Amino acid sequence: MSLSRKQFVSATALGISAAAIGLETTAEAQRAPVSFHILKPTQYDRAAMLRTLKGGGAHKQVFQSVSPLVAAPGIASLYIHMQNSMNAYQFSLGTSKLSTLGVVLGSSIILALNDNAWTKYGIGQAFNVDATNDYYKATSNLNLSAAPDDPNGVYQDWSAQAVLKRGGRFFVCHNAMTAVAFVLSSKMPGTTLAGILADFEKSVLPGFLVVPAGVAAIQQAQEYGWKPFPII
């Protein structure tokens, strides 16, 4: 069950059916495009979202990740870009620290899910990434007193946990979670969109906050002064 990133990004961006991206689906799935439940303010942590958007200080950057690009085995492009930007501000530019916010949408929402979800739904095989979500897990002891060039220190640790330790934040798009659940349910007999989506909602990793729509979150971030950087 392998899905190309290009196929999946196109499908989730347009909200079209799994059949349109060449997956074998039931007749019912072929007839019905995916629909997105529009979250009400009481159905997600709106207060936490706004605290992040309104905070951040003088220097803040939002990173838009649509596809779970991998820079090297075990290294997600999103996290290494966030770390490199924070390192430059903290150690090279002579400015105050940089606040970072990663917004995962499209197929990148798999980065926000724990290993139970990755294993249960074969996410590694489906998206041609590692078998488990080792991109999240720290490779250092997360000690902030480490030297910047210590290869085993937190500043050379390209994981989500290292970004979080330094104050970075992450939003995960609920619409994209729905789209991923739809595509997987169309390919996996005995599953449903609702069932997979419920599993996803219970499998979100610590440090990732579910928001209604990643595209809107990126726009809101810019309205609050966050400068955008796309992961491409």
C-alpha atoms as a PDB file:
ATOM      1  CA  MET A   1       0.000   0.000   0.000  1.00  0.00           C
ATOM      2  CA  SER A   2       2.420   2.632  -1.196  1.00  0.00           C
ATOM      3  CA  LEU A   3       1.220   6.172  -1.878  1.00  0.00           C
ATOM      4  CA  SER A   4       3.454   8.622  -3.680  1.00  0.00           C
ATOM      5  CA  ARG A   5       3.887  11.947  -1.910  1.00  0.00           C
ATOM      6  CA  LYS A   6       2.891  13.795  -5.076  1.00  0.00           C
ATOM      7  CA  GLN A   7      -0.331  11.802  -5.411  1.00  0.00           C
ATOM      8  CA  PHE A   8      -1.256  12.182  -1.775  1.00  0.00           C
ATOM      9  CA  VAL A   9      -0.516  15.894  -1.513  1.00  0.00           C
ATOM     10  CA  SER A  10      -2.650  16.534  -4.584  1.00  0.00           C
ATOM     11  CA  ALA A  11      -5.532  14.505  -3.203  1.00  0.00           C
ATOM     12  CA  THR A  12      -5.519  16.017   0.250  1.00  0.00           C
ATOM     13  CA  ALA A  13      -5.140  19.551  -1.033  1.00  0.00           C
ATOM     14  CA  LEU A  14      -8.173  19.221  -3.288  1.00  0.00           C
ATOM     15  CA  GLY A  15     -10.259  17.001  -1.022  1.00  0.00           C
ATOM     16  CA  ILE A  16     -10.975  14.582  -3.875  1.00  0.00           C
ATOM     17  CA  SER A  17     -11.652  10.869  -3.741  1.00  0.00           C
ATOM     18  CA  ALA A  18      -9.044   8.182  -3.251  1.00  0.00           C
ATOM     19  CA  ALA A  19     -10.051   6.757  -6.636  1.00  0.00           C
ATOM     20  CA  ALA A  20      -8.755   9.903  -8.281  1.00  0.00           C
ATOM     21  CA  ILE A  21      -5.229   9.134  -7.113  1.00  0.00           C
ATOM     22  CA  GLY A  22      -5.262   5.612  -8.439  1.00  0.00           C
ATOM     23  CA  LEU A  23      -6.047   3.593  -5.314  1.00  0.00           C
ATOM     24  CA  GLU A  24      -8.217   0.504  -5.432  1.00  0.00           C
ATOM     25  CA  THR A  25     -11.387   1.506  -3.605  1.00  0.00           C
ATOM     26  CA  THR A  26     -14.909   0.328  -3.059  1.00  0.00           C
ATOM     27  CA  ALA A  27     -17.622   1.609  -5.377  1.00  0.00           C
ATOM     28  CA  GLU A  28     -18.992   3.656  -2.490  1.00  0.00           C
ATOM     29  CA  ALA A  29     -15.618   5.296  -1.848  1.00  0.00           C
ATOM     30  CA  GLN A  30     -15.194   6.032  -5.536  1.00  0.00           C
ATOM     31  CA  ARG A  31     -18.477   7.937  -5.588  1.00  0.00           C
ATOM     32  CA  ALA A  32     -17.885  10.003  -2.438  1.00  0.00           C
ATOM     33  CA  PRO A  33     -15.244  12.693  -2.095  1.00  0.00           C
ATOM     34  CA  VAL A  34     -13.861  13.143   1.386  1.00  0.00           C
ATOM     35  CA  SER A  35     -15.711  15.693   3.525  1.00  0.00           C
ATOM     36  CA  PHE A  36     -14.161  17.567   6.416  1.00  0.00           C
ATOM     37  CA  HIS A  37     -15.842  18.070   9.762  1.00  0.00           C
ATOM     38  CA  ILE A  38     -15.548  21.765  10.590  1.00  0.00           C
ATOM     39  CA  LEU A  39     -14.384  21.937  14.195  1.00  0.00           C
ATOM     40  CA  LYS A  40     -16.257  24.298  16.494  1.00  0.00           C
ATOM     41  CA  PRO A  41     -14.279  26.420  18.996  1.00  0.00           C
ATOM     42  CA  THR A  42     -15.218  23.985  21.767  1.00  0.00           C
ATOM     43  CA  GLN A  43     -13.910  20.959  19.849  1.00  0.00           C
ATOM     44  CA  TYR A  44     -10.220  21.829  20.008  1.00  0.00           C
ATOM     45  CA  ASP A  45      -7.963  23.756  22.376  1.00  0.00           C
ATOM     46  CA  ARG A  46      -8.517  27.187  20.906  1.00  0.00           C
ATOM     47  CA  ALA A  47      -7.032  28.922  23.944  1.00  0.00           C
ATOM     48  CA  ALA A  48      -3.755  27.012  23.609  1.00  0.00           C
ATOM     49  CA  MET A  49      -3.624  27.776  19.902  1.00  0.00           C
ATOM     50  CA  LEU A  50      -4.069  31.501  20.524  1.00  0.00           C
ATOM     51  CA  ARG A  51      -1.473  31.519  23.323  1.00  0.00           C
ATOM     52  CA  THR A  52       1.083  30.161  20.879  1.00  0.00           C
ATOM     53  CA  LEU A  53       0.106  32.526  18.078  1.00  0.00           C
ATOM     54  CA  LYS A  54       0.131  35.603  20.310  1.00  0.00           C
ATOM     55  CA  GLY A  55       3.442  34.697  21.949  1.00  0.00           C
ATOM     56  CA  GLY A  56       6.906  34.252  20.545  1.00  0.00           C
ATOM     57  CA  GLY A  57       8.632  37.563  21.166  1.00  0.00           C
ATOM     58  CA  ALA A  58      10.385  39.710  18.590  1.00  0.00           C
ATOM     59  CA  HIS A  59      11.663  36.947  16.310  1.00  0.00           C
ATOM     60  CA  LYS A  60       9.335  34.172  15.240  1.00  0.00           C
ATOM     61  CA  GLN A  61       9.138  31.879  12.240  1.00  0.00           C
ATOM     62  CA  VAL A  62       6.404  29.486  11.100  1.00  0.00           C
ATOM     63  CA  PHE A  63       7.389  26.431   9.063  1.00  0.00           C
ATOM     64  CA  GLN A  64       4.809  24.974   6.672  1.00  0.00           C
ATOM     65  CA  SER A  65       5.246  21.242   6.066  1.00  0.00           C
ATOM     66  CA  VAL A  66       2.886  19.625   3.557  1.00  0.00           C
ATOM     67  CA  SER A  67       4.837  16.471   2.723  1.00  0.00           C
ATOM     68  CA  PRO A  68       6.903  14.471   5.258  1.00  0.00           C
ATOM     69  CA  LEU A  69      10.190  15.112   3.495  1.00  0.00           C
ATOM     70  CA  VAL A  70      13.182  13.212   4.833  1.00  0.00           C
ATOM     71  CA  ALA A  71      16.680  14.704   4.752  1.00  0.00           C
ATOM     72  CA  ALA A  72      18.377  11.417   5.726  1.00  0.00           C
ATOM     73  CA  PRO A  73      17.352   8.203   7.470  1.00  0.00           C
ATOM     74  CA  GLY A  74      15.753   9.176  10.771  1.00  0.00           C
ATOM     75  CA  ILE A  75      15.864  12.910   9.991  1.00  0.00           C
ATOM     76  CA  ALA A  76      12.764  14.876   8.981  1.00  0.00           C
ATOM     77  CA  SER A  77      13.430  17.969   6.909  1.00  0.00           C
ATOM     78  CA  LEU A  78      11.000  19.986   9.049  1.00  0.00           C
ATOM     79  CA  TYR A  79      12.941  19.504  12.267  1.00  0.00           C
ATOM     80  CA  ILE A  80      16.411  20.052  10.850  1.00  0.00           C
ATOM     81  CA  HIS A  81      15.251  23.324   9.269  1.00  0.00           C
ATOM     82  CA  MET A  82      13.747  24.497  12.546  1.00  0.00           C
ATOM     83  CA  GLN A  83      16.901  23.584  14.457  1.00  0.00           C
ATOM     84  CA  ASN A  84      19.206  25.271  11.960  1.00  0.00           C
ATOM     85  CA  SER A  85      17.204  28.476  12.088  1.00  0.00           C
ATOM     86  CA  MET A  86      17.180  28.522  15.893  1.00  0.00           C
ATOM     87  CA  ASN A  87      20.900  27.774  15.981  1.00  0.00           C
ATOM     88  CA  ALA A  88      21.682  30.687  13.671  1.00  0.00           C
ATOM     89  CA  TYR A  89      19.695  33.122  15.794  1.00  0.00           C
ATOM     90  CA  GLN A  90      21.050  31.879  19.094  1.00  0.00           C
ATOM     91  CA  PHE A  91      24.704  31.384  18.210  1.00  0.00           C
ATOM     92  CA  SER A  92      25.565  33.166  14.941  1.00  0.00           C
ATOM     93  CA  LEU A  93      23.553  36.313  14.368  1.00  0.00           C
ATOM     94  CA  GLY A  94      24.017  38.133  17.643  1.00  0.00           C
ATOM     95  CA  THR A  95      20.256  38.519  18.113  1.00  0.00           C
ATOM     96  CA  SER A  96      17.827  37.209  20.680  1.00  0.00           C
ATOM     97  CA  LYS A  97      16.472  33.682  20.364  1.00  0.00           C
ATOM     98  CA  LEU A  98      14.090  32.663  17.599  1.00  0.00           C
ATOM     99  CA  SER A  99      10.653  31.222  18.337  1.00  0.00           C
ATOM    100  CA  THR A 100       9.589  28.506  15.903  1.00  0.00           C
ATOM    101  CA  LEU A 101       6.250  26.964  15.019  1.00  0.00           C
ATOM    102  CA  GLY A 102       5.892  23.953  12.738  1.00  0.00           C
ATOM    103  CA  VAL A 103       2.519  23.436  11.066  1.00  0.00           C
ATOM    104  CA  VAL A 104       2.018  19.948   9.647  1.00  0.00           C
ATOM    105  CA  LEU A 105      -0.690  19.549   7.027  1.00  0.00           C
ATOM    106  CA  GLY A 106      -1.170  17.286   4.022  1.00  0.00           C
ATOM    107  CA  SER A 107       0.585  13.958   4.472  1.00  0.00           C
ATOM    108  CA  SER A 108       3.002  15.551   6.960  1.00  0.00           C
ATOM    109  CA  ILE A 109       0.454  14.910   9.694  1.00  0.00           C
ATOM    110  CA  ILE A 110       1.953  11.434  10.010  1.00  0.00           C
ATOM    111  CA  LEU A 111       4.842  13.130  11.857  1.00  0.00           C
ATOM    112  CA  ALA A 112       2.392  13.971  14.663  1.00  0.00           C
ATOM    113  CA  LEU A 113       1.323  10.349  15.255  1.00  0.00           C
ATOM    114  CA  ASN A 114       2.815   7.848  17.669  1.00  0.00           C
ATOM    115  CA  ASP A 115       4.330   4.483  16.830  1.00  0.00           C
ATOM    116  CA  ASN A 116       1.108   2.608  17.611  1.00  0.00           C
ATOM    117  CA  ALA A 117      -0.637   4.414  14.753  1.00  0.00           C
ATOM    118  CA  TRP A 118       2.358   3.994  12.446  1.00  0.00           C
ATOM    119  CA  THR A 119       2.419   0.250  13.058  1.00  0.00           C
ATOM    120  CA  LYS A 120      -1.343  -0.332  12.956  1.00  0.00           C
ATOM    121  CA  TYR A 121      -1.813   1.492   9.648  1.00  0.00           C
ATOM    122  CA  GLY A 122       1.491   0.675   7.958  1.00  0.00           C
ATOM    123  CA  ILE A 123       2.387   4.330   7.674  1.00  0.00           C
ATOM    124  CA  GLY A 124       6.060   3.739   6.961  1.00  0.00           C
ATOM    125  CA  GLN A 125       5.305   1.595   3.924  1.00  0.00           C
ATOM    126  CA  ALA A 126       2.404   3.744   2.747  1.00  0.00           C
ATOM    127  CA  PHE A 127       4.460   6.948   2.700  1.00  0.00           C
ATOM    128  CA  ASN A 128       7.935   5.521   1.976  1.00  0.00           C
ATOM    129  CA  VAL A 129       9.397   6.635   5.291  1.00  0.00           C
ATOM    130  CA  ASP A 130      10.865   4.818   8.296  1.00  0.00           C
ATOM    131  CA  ALA A 131       8.864   1.949   9.776  1.00  0.00           C
ATOM    132  CA  THR A 132       8.323   3.828  13.041  1.00  0.00           C
ATOM    133  CA  ASN A 133       8.225   7.520  13.864  1.00  0.00           C
ATOM    134  CA  ASP A 134      11.853   7.776  14.922  1.00  0.00           C
ATOM    135  CA  TYR A 135      11.873  11.331  13.551  1.00  0.00           C
ATOM    136  CA  TYR A 136      10.180  12.415  16.776  1.00  0.00           C
ATOM    137  CA  LYS A 137      12.619  10.787  19.196  1.00  0.00           C
ATOM    138  CA  ALA A 138      15.595  12.655  20.633  1.00  0.00           C
ATOM    139  CA  THR A 139      19.090  11.433  19.789  1.00  0.00           C
ATOM    140  CA  SER A 140      20.655  13.503  22.588  1.00  0.00           C
ATOM    141  CA  ASN A 141      20.018  13.878  26.305  1.00  0.00           C
ATOM    142  CA  LEU A 142      18.378  17.270  25.543  1.00  0.00           C
ATOM    143  CA  ASN A 143      20.790  19.109  27.834  1.00  0.00           C
ATOM    144  CA  LEU A 144      20.603  22.803  26.923  1.00  0.00           C
ATOM    145  CA  SER A 145      24.078  23.418  28.345  1.00  0.00           C
ATOM    146  CA  ALA A 146      25.662  21.380  25.537  1.00  0.00           C
ATOM    147  CA  ALA A 147      28.168  23.064  23.241  1.00  0.00           C
ATOM    148  CA  PRO A 148      26.608  24.181  19.935  1.00  0.00           C
ATOM    149  CA  ASP A 149      28.975  21.998  17.890  1.00  0.00           C
ATOM    150  CA  ASP A 150      28.713  18.909  20.094  1.00  0.00           C
ATOM    151  CA  PRO A 151      27.581  16.233  17.593  1.00  0.00           C
ATOM    152  CA  ASN A 152      25.783  14.433  20.414  1.00  0.00           C
ATOM    153  CA  GLY A 153      24.213  17.564  21.908  1.00  0.00           C
ATOM    154  CA  VAL A 154      20.740  18.999  21.686  1.00  0.00           C
ATOM    155  CA  TYR A 155      21.744  21.658  19.129  1.00  0.00           C
ATOM    156  CA  GLN A 156      22.788  18.919  16.679  1.00  0.00           C
ATOM    157  CA  ASP A 157      19.758  16.767  17.464  1.00  0.00           C
ATOM    158  CA  TRP A 158      17.378  16.790  14.483  1.00  0.00           C
ATOM    159  CA  SER A 159      14.295  15.490  16.280  1.00  0.00           C
ATOM    160  CA  ALA A 160      10.938  16.937  17.251  1.00  0.00           C
ATOM    161  CA  GLN A 161      11.781  16.417  20.907  1.00  0.00           C
ATOM    162  CA  ALA A 162      14.877  18.595  20.553  1.00  0.00           C
ATOM    163  CA  VAL A 163      12.837  21.355  18.909  1.00  0.00           C
ATOM    164  CA  LEU A 164      10.257  21.118  21.692  1.00  0.00           C
ATOM    165  CA  LYS A 165      12.940  21.216  24.380  1.00  0.00           C
ATOM    166  CA  ARG A 166      14.111  24.548  22.949  1.00  0.00           C
ATOM    167  CA  GLY A 167      10.605  25.993  23.038  1.00  0.00           C
ATOM    168  CA  GLY A 168       9.442  25.164  19.522  1.00  0.00           C
ATOM    169  CA  ARG A 169       5.775  24.418  18.965  1.00  0.00           C
ATOM    170  CA  PHE A 170       3.764  22.293  16.532  1.00  0.00           C
ATOM    171  CA  PHE A 171       0.254  22.460  15.107  1.00  0.00           C
ATOM    172  CA  VAL A 172      -1.356  19.520  13.299  1.00  0.00           C
ATOM    173  CA  CYS A 173      -4.151  20.034  10.781  1.00  0.00           C
ATOM    174  CA  HIS A 174      -7.389  18.189  11.588  1.00  0.00           C
ATOM    175  CA  ASN A 175      -8.547  18.428   7.978  1.00  0.00           C
ATOM    176  CA  ALA A 176      -5.389  16.652   6.830  1.00  0.00           C
ATOM    177  CA  MET A 177      -5.836  13.994   9.519  1.00  0.00           C
ATOM    178  CA  THR A 178      -9.276  13.381   8.018  1.00  0.00           C
ATOM    179  CA  ALA A 179      -7.852  13.142   4.501  1.00  0.00           C
ATOM    180  CA  VAL A 180      -5.163  10.670   5.530  1.00  0.00           C
ATOM    181  CA  ALA A 181      -7.767   8.585   7.350  1.00  0.00           C
ATOM    182  CA  PHE A 182      -9.967   8.643   4.239  1.00  0.00           C
ATOM    183  CA  VAL A 183      -7.206   7.489   1.909  1.00  0.00           C
ATOM    184  CA  LEU A 184      -6.071   4.713   4.246  1.00  0.00           C
ATOM    185  CA  SER A 185      -9.632   3.508   4.893  1.00  0.00           C
ATOM    186  CA  SER A 186     -10.196   3.331   1.129  1.00  0.00           C
ATOM    187  CA  LYS A 187      -7.256   0.941   0.859  1.00  0.00           C
ATOM    188  CA  MET A 188      -7.683  -1.142   4.028  1.00  0.00           C
ATOM    189  CA  PRO A 189     -10.691  -3.496   4.131  1.00  0.00           C
ATOM    190  CA  GLY A 190     -12.519  -3.549   7.434  1.00  0.00           C
ATOM    191  CA  THR A 191     -11.610   0.014   8.375  1.00  0.00           C
ATOM    192  CA  THR A 192     -13.586   3.221   8.205  1.00  0.00           C
ATOM    193  CA  LEU A 193     -12.646   6.866   7.927  1.00  0.00           C
ATOM    194  CA  ALA A 194     -14.302   7.560  11.290  1.00  0.00           C
ATOM    195  CA  GLY A 195     -12.487   4.704  12.987  1.00  0.00           C
ATOM    196  CA  ILE A 196      -9.055   5.639  11.690  1.00  0.00           C
ATOM    197  CA  LEU A 197      -9.613   9.323  12.424  1.00  0.00           C
ATOM    198  CA  ALA A 198     -10.598   8.498  16.011  1.00  0.00           C
ATOM    199  CA  ASP A 199      -7.398   6.464  16.349  1.00  0.00           C
ATOM    200  CA  PHE A 200      -5.370   9.352  14.946  1.00  0.00           C
ATOM    201  CA  GLU A 201      -6.935  11.806  17.390  1.00  0.00           C
ATOM    202  CA  LYS A 202      -5.902   9.526  20.276  1.00  0.00           C
ATOM    203  CA  SER A 203      -2.419   9.013  18.838  1.00  0.00           C
ATOM    204  CA  VAL A 204      -1.201  12.620  18.603  1.00  0.00           C
ATOM    205  CA  LEU A 205       2.256  12.925  20.133  1.00  0.00           C
ATOM    206  CA  PRO A 206       3.082  15.235  23.067  1.00  0.00           C
ATOM    207  CA  GLY A 207       3.895  18.740  21.842  1.00  0.00           C
ATOM    208  CA  PHE A 208       1.573  18.624  18.814  1.00  0.00           C
ATOM    209  CA  LEU A 209      -1.649  20.620  19.080  1.00  0.00           C
ATOM    210  CA  VAL A 210      -4.559  19.743  16.797  1.00  0.00           C
ATOM    211  CA  VAL A 211      -5.984  22.802  15.030  1.00  0.00           C
ATOM    212  CA  PRO A 212      -8.952  22.961  12.650  1.00  0.00           C
ATOM    213  CA  ALA A 213      -7.079  23.777   9.448  1.00  0.00           C
ATOM    214  CA  GLY A 214      -3.359  24.071   8.863  1.00  0.00           C
ATOM    215  CA  VAL A 215      -3.818  26.533   6.028  1.00  0.00           C
ATOM    216  CA  ALA A 216      -5.760  28.863   8.315  1.00  0.00           C
ATOM    217  CA  ALA A 217      -3.228  28.426  11.122  1.00  0.00           C
ATOM    218  CA  ILE A 218      -0.415  29.562   8.830  1.00  0.00           C
ATOM    219  CA  GLN A 219      -2.428  32.600   7.818  1.00  0.00           C
ATOM    220  CA  GLN A 220      -3.219  33.399  11.460  1.00  0.00           C
ATOM    221  CA  ALA A 221       0.426  33.008  12.393  1.00  0.00           C
ATOM    222  CA  GLN A 222       1.383  35.620   9.813  1.00  0.00           C
ATOM    223  CA  GLU A 223      -1.289  37.956  11.153  1.00  0.00           C
ATOM    224  CA  TYR A 224       0.418  37.656  14.553  1.00  0.00           C
ATOM    225  CA  GLY A 225       3.844  38.412  13.115  1.00  0.00           C
ATOM    226  CA  TRP A 226       5.254  34.948  12.360  1.00  0.00           C
ATOM    227  CA  LYS A 227       7.360  34.884   9.184  1.00  0.00           C
ATOM    228  CA  PRO A 228       6.611  31.899   6.911  1.00  0.00           C
ATOM    229  CA  PHE A 229       9.079  29.329   5.627  1.00  0.00           C
ATOM    230  CA  PRO A 230       7.826  26.449   3.440  1.00  0.00           C
ATOM    231  CA  ILE A 231       9.466  23.025   3.687  1.00  0.00           C
ATOM    232  CA  ILE A 232       9.900  21.988   0.051  1.00  0.00           C
END
